[in-house]
């Protein structure tokens, strides 16, 4: 393996900061958050701006946002990732059926990243966005994806990780998480009840590729004012159907 190039790593660290908050940062903020020398930060920001990965915001001297080159790279990635495009279409179809918020997410280490999302039309609904990252153990999609990992890989990913709490209902004990994942494997769908948002519960089902591997999960999120045991069962069936439809679009022919 080749070695990591420190300057490139720092430049990428800067770009990734713009994925958080309102998407704008100043040089002093970057310096403080990355604990880098001020001169280094200014040089990296100047270079990234010169290459159009960042752009200075008009009328906000010294403040930056992502530039067109970052958009072009993201767009090319999306074009090549059938999962995102197909996931958005299936999520739209599921949302039209239940009129609740539908997500498709993938696993990144021990987090989930939402790659597709369709909102409910209800006035009271879950507020989220595609591209958002959350701890996997706090979400139905994340637990579904963790439960689908081979035991050895699951153990490796969780080793030494702190299970942070997003709400008072979040799972924070490793044994409790492993027990929940075992139940999910047996049932074939996952659920979380106010574990990532105190006002929302969710159900999720696995999405498989042409080789039968679980590559994503599809979830339906519902505010507690519209949640019930019967509703959970109905939406679990719908999530499983939607995940099966998406799996078929990806070439899976193993049945739901």
C-alpha atoms as a PDB file:
ATOM      1  CA  UNK A   1       0.000   0.000   0.000  1.00  0.00           C
ATOM      2  CA  UNK A   2       1.134   3.550  -0.719  1.00  0.00           C
ATOM      3  CA  UNK A   3       1.316   6.088   2.057  1.00  0.00           C
ATOM      4  CA  UNK A   4      -1.268   8.775   2.667  1.00  0.00           C
ATOM      5  CA  UNK A   5      -0.300  12.256   1.513  1.00  0.00           C
ATOM      6  CA  UNK A   6      -0.815  14.668   4.443  1.00  0.00           C
ATOM      7  CA  UNK A   7      -1.641  17.701   2.294  1.00  0.00           C
ATOM      8  CA  UNK A   8      -4.297  15.793   0.350  1.00  0.00           C
ATOM      9  CA  UNK A   9      -5.749  14.384   3.564  1.00  0.00           C
ATOM     10  CA  UNK A  10      -6.020  17.867   5.039  1.00  0.00           C
ATOM     11  CA  UNK A  11      -7.665  19.216   1.901  1.00  0.00           C
ATOM     12  CA  UNK A  12     -10.237  16.420   1.996  1.00  0.00           C
ATOM     13  CA  UNK A  13     -10.798  17.012   5.715  1.00  0.00           C
ATOM     14  CA  UNK A  14     -11.640  20.622   4.863  1.00  0.00           C
ATOM     15  CA  UNK A  15     -14.061  19.633   2.103  1.00  0.00           C
ATOM     16  CA  UNK A  16     -15.836  17.179   4.401  1.00  0.00           C
ATOM     17  CA  UNK A  17     -16.452  19.936   6.959  1.00  0.00           C
ATOM     18  CA  UNK A  18     -18.825  21.510   4.445  1.00  0.00           C
ATOM     19  CA  UNK A  19     -21.112  18.485   4.718  1.00  0.00           C
ATOM     20  CA  UNK A  20     -22.124  19.665   8.181  1.00  0.00           C
ATOM     21  CA  UNK A  21     -24.076  22.647   9.461  1.00  0.00           C
ATOM     22  CA  UNK A  22     -25.286  25.190   6.926  1.00  0.00           C
ATOM     23  CA  UNK A  23     -22.521  24.351   4.445  1.00  0.00           C
ATOM     24  CA  UNK A  24     -20.518  27.558   4.917  1.00  0.00           C
ATOM     25  CA  UNK A  25     -17.264  28.080   6.819  1.00  0.00           C
ATOM     26  CA  UNK A  26     -14.628  30.738   7.372  1.00  0.00           C
ATOM     27  CA  UNK A  27     -10.876  30.171   7.607  1.00  0.00           C
ATOM     28  CA  UNK A  28     -10.820  30.698  11.408  1.00  0.00           C
ATOM     29  CA  UNK A  29     -13.604  28.115  11.811  1.00  0.00           C
ATOM     30  CA  UNK A  30     -11.688  25.574   9.727  1.00  0.00           C
ATOM     31  CA  UNK A  31      -8.521  26.296  11.706  1.00  0.00           C
ATOM     32  CA  UNK A  32     -10.310  25.771  15.014  1.00  0.00           C
ATOM     33  CA  UNK A  33     -12.176  22.624  14.025  1.00  0.00           C
ATOM     34  CA  UNK A  34      -9.234  20.833  12.395  1.00  0.00           C
ATOM     35  CA  UNK A  35      -6.544  22.193  14.728  1.00  0.00           C
ATOM     36  CA  UNK A  36      -4.319  23.069  11.783  1.00  0.00           C
ATOM     37  CA  UNK A  37      -1.883  25.983  11.459  1.00  0.00           C
ATOM     38  CA  UNK A  38      -3.570  29.125  10.183  1.00  0.00           C
ATOM     39  CA  UNK A  39      -1.126  29.486   7.287  1.00  0.00           C
ATOM     40  CA  UNK A  40      -1.775  25.903   6.181  1.00  0.00           C
ATOM     41  CA  UNK A  41      -5.536  26.453   6.217  1.00  0.00           C
ATOM     42  CA  UNK A  42      -5.281  29.627   4.151  1.00  0.00           C
ATOM     43  CA  UNK A  43      -3.065  27.892   1.577  1.00  0.00           C
ATOM     44  CA  UNK A  44      -5.427  24.923   1.296  1.00  0.00           C
ATOM     45  CA  UNK A  45      -8.515  27.128   1.035  1.00  0.00           C
ATOM     46  CA  UNK A  46      -6.843  29.241  -1.652  1.00  0.00           C
ATOM     47  CA  UNK A  47      -5.908  26.114  -3.611  1.00  0.00           C
ATOM     48  CA  UNK A  48      -9.371  24.566  -3.329  1.00  0.00           C
ATOM     49  CA  UNK A  49     -10.974  27.836  -4.406  1.00  0.00           C
ATOM     50  CA  UNK A  50      -8.596  28.162  -7.353  1.00  0.00           C
ATOM     51  CA  UNK A  51      -9.681  24.699  -8.519  1.00  0.00           C
ATOM     52  CA  UNK A  52     -13.403  25.564  -7.990  1.00  0.00           C
ATOM     53  CA  UNK A  53     -13.920  23.024  -5.195  1.00  0.00           C
ATOM     54  CA  UNK A  54     -14.728  25.975  -2.955  1.00  0.00           C
ATOM     55  CA  UNK A  55     -16.006  29.459  -3.710  1.00  0.00           C
ATOM     56  CA  UNK A  56     -16.055  32.595  -1.598  1.00  0.00           C
ATOM     57  CA  UNK A  57     -19.570  33.765  -0.763  1.00  0.00           C
ATOM     58  CA  UNK A  58     -20.384  37.189  -2.231  1.00  0.00           C
ATOM     59  CA  UNK A  59     -20.752  39.933   0.391  1.00  0.00           C
ATOM     60  CA  UNK A  60     -19.343  37.587   3.078  1.00  0.00           C
ATOM     61  CA  UNK A  61     -15.613  38.222   3.003  1.00  0.00           C
ATOM     62  CA  UNK A  62     -13.534  35.200   3.960  1.00  0.00           C
ATOM     63  CA  UNK A  63     -16.484  32.790   4.030  1.00  0.00           C
ATOM     64  CA  UNK A  64     -16.659  29.780   1.719  1.00  0.00           C
ATOM     65  CA  UNK A  65     -19.115  27.237   0.378  1.00  0.00           C
ATOM     66  CA  UNK A  66     -18.695  24.241  -1.926  1.00  0.00           C
ATOM     67  CA  UNK A  67     -17.985  25.129  -5.539  1.00  0.00           C
ATOM     68  CA  UNK A  68     -19.105  23.785  -8.879  1.00  0.00           C
ATOM     69  CA  UNK A  69     -16.340  21.177  -9.116  1.00  0.00           C
ATOM     70  CA  UNK A  70     -17.611  19.445  -5.992  1.00  0.00           C
ATOM     71  CA  UNK A  71     -21.098  19.442  -7.522  1.00  0.00           C
ATOM     72  CA  UNK A  72     -19.766  17.984 -10.762  1.00  0.00           C
ATOM     73  CA  UNK A  73     -18.011  15.143  -8.947  1.00  0.00           C
ATOM     74  CA  UNK A  74     -21.117  14.406  -6.888  1.00  0.00           C
ATOM     75  CA  UNK A  75     -23.282  14.447  -9.978  1.00  0.00           C
ATOM     76  CA  UNK A  76     -20.990  12.044 -11.819  1.00  0.00           C
ATOM     77  CA  UNK A  77     -21.035   9.729  -8.801  1.00  0.00           C
ATOM     78  CA  UNK A  78     -24.833   9.811  -8.715  1.00  0.00           C
ATOM     79  CA  UNK A  79     -25.010   9.083 -12.439  1.00  0.00           C
ATOM     80  CA  UNK A  80     -22.896   5.994 -12.008  1.00  0.00           C
ATOM     81  CA  UNK A  81     -24.655   4.759  -8.881  1.00  0.00           C
ATOM     82  CA  UNK A  82     -27.836   3.061 -10.060  1.00  0.00           C
ATOM     83  CA  UNK A  83     -28.797   2.381  -6.469  1.00  0.00           C
ATOM     84  CA  UNK A  84     -29.372   6.068  -5.754  1.00  0.00           C
ATOM     85  CA  UNK A  85     -31.474   6.682  -8.857  1.00  0.00           C
ATOM     86  CA  UNK A  86     -33.489   3.486  -8.558  1.00  0.00           C
ATOM     87  CA  UNK A  87     -33.843   3.994  -4.818  1.00  0.00           C
ATOM     88  CA  UNK A  88     -35.343   7.431  -5.323  1.00  0.00           C
ATOM     89  CA  UNK A  89     -37.909   6.051  -7.750  1.00  0.00           C
ATOM     90  CA  UNK A  90     -38.939   3.180  -5.479  1.00  0.00           C
ATOM     91  CA  UNK A  91     -39.009   5.473  -2.445  1.00  0.00           C
ATOM     92  CA  UNK A  92     -41.400   7.729  -4.345  1.00  0.00           C
ATOM     93  CA  UNK A  93     -43.690   4.806  -5.141  1.00  0.00           C
ATOM     94  CA  UNK A  94     -43.712   3.620  -1.516  1.00  0.00           C
ATOM     95  CA  UNK A  95     -44.361   7.154  -0.256  1.00  0.00           C
ATOM     96  CA  UNK A  96     -47.299   7.513  -2.650  1.00  0.00           C
ATOM     97  CA  UNK A  97     -48.792   4.369  -1.132  1.00  0.00           C
ATOM     98  CA  UNK A  98     -48.439   5.238   2.566  1.00  0.00           C
ATOM     99  CA  UNK A  99     -47.953   9.033   2.507  1.00  0.00           C
ATOM    100  CA  UNK A 100     -45.104   8.797   5.001  1.00  0.00           C
ATOM    101  CA  UNK A 101     -41.423   9.703   4.683  1.00  0.00           C
ATOM    102  CA  UNK A 102     -39.367   7.026   2.916  1.00  0.00           C
ATOM    103  CA  UNK A 103     -35.576   6.691   2.930  1.00  0.00           C
ATOM    104  CA  UNK A 104     -33.011   4.477   1.255  1.00  0.00           C
ATOM    105  CA  UNK A 105     -29.673   4.259   3.069  1.00  0.00           C
ATOM    106  CA  UNK A 106     -26.312   2.517   2.832  1.00  0.00           C
ATOM    107  CA  UNK A 107     -23.853   1.527   5.541  1.00  0.00           C
ATOM    108  CA  UNK A 108     -20.533   3.324   5.985  1.00  0.00           C
ATOM    109  CA  UNK A 109     -18.528   1.701   8.773  1.00  0.00           C
ATOM    110  CA  UNK A 110     -20.933   2.059  11.731  1.00  0.00           C
ATOM    111  CA  UNK A 111     -22.982   4.920  10.286  1.00  0.00           C
ATOM    112  CA  UNK A 112     -25.731   5.098   7.700  1.00  0.00           C
ATOM    113  CA  UNK A 113     -25.894   7.603   4.862  1.00  0.00           C
ATOM    114  CA  UNK A 114     -29.258   8.382   3.279  1.00  0.00           C
ATOM    115  CA  UNK A 115     -28.940   8.285  -0.508  1.00  0.00           C
ATOM    116  CA  UNK A 116     -32.624   8.769  -1.385  1.00  0.00           C
ATOM    117  CA  UNK A 117     -35.582  10.372   0.350  1.00  0.00           C
ATOM    118  CA  UNK A 118     -39.208  11.209  -0.400  1.00  0.00           C
ATOM    119  CA  UNK A 119     -41.240  13.292   2.035  1.00  0.00           C
ATOM    120  CA  UNK A 120     -44.720  12.738   3.368  1.00  0.00           C
ATOM    121  CA  UNK A 121     -47.311  15.327   2.387  1.00  0.00           C
ATOM    122  CA  UNK A 122     -48.621  15.524   5.964  1.00  0.00           C
ATOM    123  CA  UNK A 123     -48.079  18.776   7.839  1.00  0.00           C
ATOM    124  CA  UNK A 124     -46.524  16.757  10.683  1.00  0.00           C
ATOM    125  CA  UNK A 125     -43.695  14.717   9.234  1.00  0.00           C
ATOM    126  CA  UNK A 126     -40.066  13.732   9.723  1.00  0.00           C
ATOM    127  CA  UNK A 127     -37.541  16.393   8.729  1.00  0.00           C
ATOM    128  CA  UNK A 128     -34.380  14.946   7.175  1.00  0.00           C
ATOM    129  CA  UNK A 129     -32.292  15.098   4.024  1.00  0.00           C
ATOM    130  CA  UNK A 130     -30.531  12.843   1.566  1.00  0.00           C
ATOM    131  CA  UNK A 131     -26.825  12.790   2.336  1.00  0.00           C
ATOM    132  CA  UNK A 132     -27.350  12.896   6.081  1.00  0.00           C
ATOM    133  CA  UNK A 133     -25.251  10.538   8.225  1.00  0.00           C
ATOM    134  CA  UNK A 134     -26.479   8.958  11.475  1.00  0.00           C
ATOM    135  CA  UNK A 135     -25.200   6.264  13.853  1.00  0.00           C
ATOM    136  CA  UNK A 136     -26.432   2.957  12.460  1.00  0.00           C
ATOM    137  CA  UNK A 137     -27.464   1.509  15.818  1.00  0.00           C
ATOM    138  CA  UNK A 138     -29.985   4.322  16.355  1.00  0.00           C
ATOM    139  CA  UNK A 139     -31.923   3.793  13.110  1.00  0.00           C
ATOM    140  CA  UNK A 140     -34.041   1.054  11.604  1.00  0.00           C
ATOM    141  CA  UNK A 141     -32.095   1.136   8.335  1.00  0.00           C
ATOM    142  CA  UNK A 142     -28.829   0.980  10.240  1.00  0.00           C
ATOM    143  CA  UNK A 143     -29.861  -1.927  12.425  1.00  0.00           C
ATOM    144  CA  UNK A 144     -31.121  -3.749   9.353  1.00  0.00           C
ATOM    145  CA  UNK A 145     -27.763  -3.246   7.640  1.00  0.00           C
ATOM    146  CA  UNK A 146     -25.745  -4.209  10.717  1.00  0.00           C
ATOM    147  CA  UNK A 147     -27.862  -7.331  11.154  1.00  0.00           C
ATOM    148  CA  UNK A 148     -27.048  -8.322   7.560  1.00  0.00           C
ATOM    149  CA  UNK A 149     -23.274  -8.291   8.090  1.00  0.00           C
ATOM    150  CA  UNK A 150     -21.348 -11.552   8.536  1.00  0.00           C
ATOM    151  CA  UNK A 151     -20.708 -12.108  12.278  1.00  0.00           C
ATOM    152  CA  UNK A 152     -16.952 -11.583  12.001  1.00  0.00           C
ATOM    153  CA  UNK A 153     -17.361  -8.318  10.100  1.00  0.00           C
ATOM    154  CA  UNK A 154     -19.991  -7.086  12.539  1.00  0.00           C
ATOM    155  CA  UNK A 155     -17.659  -7.824  15.448  1.00  0.00           C
ATOM    156  CA  UNK A 156     -14.816  -5.958  13.743  1.00  0.00           C
ATOM    157  CA  UNK A 157     -16.925  -2.894  13.013  1.00  0.00           C
ATOM    158  CA  UNK A 158     -18.312  -2.673  16.524  1.00  0.00           C
ATOM    159  CA  UNK A 159     -15.067  -3.443  18.347  1.00  0.00           C
ATOM    160  CA  UNK A 160     -14.175  -0.601  20.680  1.00  0.00           C
ATOM    161  CA  UNK A 161     -16.970   1.630  19.387  1.00  0.00           C
ATOM    162  CA  UNK A 162     -19.013   3.697  21.789  1.00  0.00           C
ATOM    163  CA  UNK A 163     -22.739   3.380  21.137  1.00  0.00           C
ATOM    164  CA  UNK A 164     -23.736   7.009  21.435  1.00  0.00           C
ATOM    165  CA  UNK A 165     -27.311   7.885  22.352  1.00  0.00           C
ATOM    166  CA  UNK A 166     -29.414  10.161  20.151  1.00  0.00           C
ATOM    167  CA  UNK A 167     -32.431   9.914  22.459  1.00  0.00           C
ATOM    168  CA  UNK A 168     -33.172   8.280  25.800  1.00  0.00           C
ATOM    169  CA  UNK A 169     -34.491   5.275  23.854  1.00  0.00           C
ATOM    170  CA  UNK A 170     -31.261   4.662  21.906  1.00  0.00           C
ATOM    171  CA  UNK A 171     -29.459   1.362  22.432  1.00  0.00           C
ATOM    172  CA  UNK A 172     -26.143   2.028  24.178  1.00  0.00           C
ATOM    173  CA  UNK A 173     -25.153  -1.444  25.454  1.00  0.00           C
ATOM    174  CA  UNK A 174     -23.371  -3.818  23.030  1.00  0.00           C
ATOM    175  CA  UNK A 175     -25.178  -6.909  24.336  1.00  0.00           C
ATOM    176  CA  UNK A 176     -28.547  -5.213  23.887  1.00  0.00           C
ATOM    177  CA  UNK A 177     -27.625  -4.263  20.328  1.00  0.00           C
ATOM    178  CA  UNK A 178     -26.491  -7.795  19.459  1.00  0.00           C
ATOM    179  CA  UNK A 179     -29.750  -9.174  20.861  1.00  0.00           C
ATOM    180  CA  UNK A 180     -31.760  -6.684  18.793  1.00  0.00           C
ATOM    181  CA  UNK A 181     -29.819  -7.586  15.657  1.00  0.00           C
ATOM    182  CA  UNK A 182     -30.480 -11.290  16.236  1.00  0.00           C
ATOM    183  CA  UNK A 183     -34.222 -10.567  16.423  1.00  0.00           C
ATOM    184  CA  UNK A 184     -33.994  -8.553  13.200  1.00  0.00           C
ATOM    185  CA  UNK A 185     -32.290 -11.421  11.375  1.00  0.00           C
ATOM    186  CA  UNK A 186     -35.055 -13.761  12.459  1.00  0.00           C
ATOM    187  CA  UNK A 187     -37.865 -11.389  11.536  1.00  0.00           C
ATOM    188  CA  UNK A 188     -36.344 -10.065   8.319  1.00  0.00           C
ATOM    189  CA  UNK A 189     -37.325  -6.443   9.011  1.00  0.00           C
ATOM    190  CA  UNK A 190     -36.101  -3.883  11.532  1.00  0.00           C
ATOM    191  CA  UNK A 191     -37.833  -1.279  13.643  1.00  0.00           C
ATOM    192  CA  UNK A 192     -36.792   1.546  15.907  1.00  0.00           C
ATOM    193  CA  UNK A 193     -39.052   3.371  18.289  1.00  0.00           C
ATOM    194  CA  UNK A 194     -37.951   6.945  19.011  1.00  0.00           C
ATOM    195  CA  UNK A 195     -34.291   5.911  19.035  1.00  0.00           C
ATOM    196  CA  UNK A 196     -32.999   8.557  16.612  1.00  0.00           C
ATOM    197  CA  UNK A 197     -35.799  11.101  17.008  1.00  0.00           C
ATOM    198  CA  UNK A 198     -37.991  11.293  20.136  1.00  0.00           C
ATOM    199  CA  UNK A 199     -41.091  11.917  18.016  1.00  0.00           C
ATOM    200  CA  UNK A 200     -40.599   9.333  15.257  1.00  0.00           C
ATOM    201  CA  UNK A 201     -40.617   5.554  14.806  1.00  0.00           C
ATOM    202  CA  UNK A 202     -39.439   3.659  11.732  1.00  0.00           C
ATOM    203  CA  UNK A 203     -39.438   0.271  10.035  1.00  0.00           C
ATOM    204  CA  UNK A 204     -36.906  -0.946   7.476  1.00  0.00           C
ATOM    205  CA  UNK A 205     -36.237  -3.871   5.143  1.00  0.00           C
ATOM    206  CA  UNK A 206     -33.087  -5.031   3.296  1.00  0.00           C
ATOM    207  CA  UNK A 207     -32.235  -4.245  -0.325  1.00  0.00           C
ATOM    208  CA  UNK A 208     -30.169  -6.872  -2.173  1.00  0.00           C
ATOM    209  CA  UNK A 209     -28.076  -6.707  -5.321  1.00  0.00           C
ATOM    210  CA  UNK A 210     -27.874  -9.221  -8.154  1.00  0.00           C
ATOM    211  CA  UNK A 211     -25.575 -11.442  -6.090  1.00  0.00           C
ATOM    212  CA  UNK A 212     -27.966 -11.472  -3.153  1.00  0.00           C
ATOM    213  CA  UNK A 213     -25.824  -9.234  -0.951  1.00  0.00           C
ATOM    214  CA  UNK A 214     -27.565  -6.637   1.224  1.00  0.00           C
ATOM    215  CA  UNK A 215     -26.374  -3.295  -0.160  1.00  0.00           C
ATOM    216  CA  UNK A 216     -28.939  -0.906   1.311  1.00  0.00           C
ATOM    217  CA  UNK A 217     -32.116  -0.693   3.351  1.00  0.00           C
ATOM    218  CA  UNK A 218     -35.426   1.035   2.744  1.00  0.00           C
ATOM    219  CA  UNK A 219     -37.292   2.589   5.663  1.00  0.00           C
ATOM    220  CA  UNK A 220     -40.607   4.259   6.378  1.00  0.00           C
ATOM    221  CA  UNK A 221     -40.621   6.906   9.122  1.00  0.00           C
ATOM    222  CA  UNK A 222     -43.774   7.930  10.968  1.00  0.00           C
ATOM    223  CA  UNK A 223     -44.468  10.569  13.647  1.00  0.00           C
ATOM    224  CA  UNK A 224     -45.732   9.013  16.870  1.00  0.00           C
ATOM    225  CA  UNK A 225     -49.134  10.678  16.479  1.00  0.00           C
ATOM    226  CA  UNK A 226     -49.771   8.305  13.527  1.00  0.00           C
ATOM    227  CA  UNK A 227     -48.007   5.246  14.960  1.00  0.00           C
ATOM    228  CA  UNK A 228     -49.611   2.091  16.345  1.00  0.00           C
ATOM    229  CA  UNK A 229     -48.831  -1.630  16.479  1.00  0.00           C
ATOM    230  CA  UNK A 230     -51.195  -2.256  13.583  1.00  0.00           C
ATOM    231  CA  UNK A 231     -49.635   0.575  11.595  1.00  0.00           C
ATOM    232  CA  UNK A 232     -46.177  -0.854  12.278  1.00  0.00           C
ATOM    233  CA  UNK A 233     -47.188  -4.226  10.851  1.00  0.00           C
ATOM    234  CA  UNK A 234     -48.720  -2.623   7.765  1.00  0.00           C
ATOM    235  CA  UNK A 235     -45.663  -0.469   7.112  1.00  0.00           C
ATOM    236  CA  UNK A 236     -43.255  -3.340   7.749  1.00  0.00           C
ATOM    237  CA  UNK A 237     -44.996  -5.271   4.976  1.00  0.00           C
ATOM    238  CA  UNK A 238     -44.894  -2.230   2.712  1.00  0.00           C
ATOM    239  CA  UNK A 239     -41.197  -1.598   3.445  1.00  0.00           C
ATOM    240  CA  UNK A 240     -40.435  -5.241   2.646  1.00  0.00           C
ATOM    241  CA  UNK A 241     -42.341  -4.947  -0.637  1.00  0.00           C
ATOM    242  CA  UNK A 242     -40.567  -1.712  -1.543  1.00  0.00           C
ATOM    243  CA  UNK A 243     -37.175  -3.159  -0.664  1.00  0.00           C
ATOM    244  CA  UNK A 244     -38.021  -6.211  -2.760  1.00  0.00           C
ATOM    245  CA  UNK A 245     -38.992  -4.029  -5.715  1.00  0.00           C
ATOM    246  CA  UNK A 246     -35.716  -2.109  -5.423  1.00  0.00           C
ATOM    247  CA  UNK A 247     -33.782  -5.368  -5.155  1.00  0.00           C
ATOM    248  CA  UNK A 248     -35.392  -6.571  -8.386  1.00  0.00           C
ATOM    249  CA  UNK A 249     -34.394  -3.333 -10.112  1.00  0.00           C
ATOM    250  CA  UNK A 250     -30.814  -4.054  -9.032  1.00  0.00           C
ATOM    251  CA  UNK A 251     -30.990  -7.519 -10.581  1.00  0.00           C
ATOM    252  CA  UNK A 252     -31.863  -9.617  -7.536  1.00  0.00           C
ATOM    253  CA  UNK A 253     -34.010 -12.608  -8.421  1.00  0.00           C
ATOM    254  CA  UNK A 254     -34.037 -14.474  -5.120  1.00  0.00           C
ATOM    255  CA  UNK A 255     -37.547 -13.509  -4.020  1.00  0.00           C
ATOM    256  CA  UNK A 256     -38.602 -11.270  -1.183  1.00  0.00           C
END
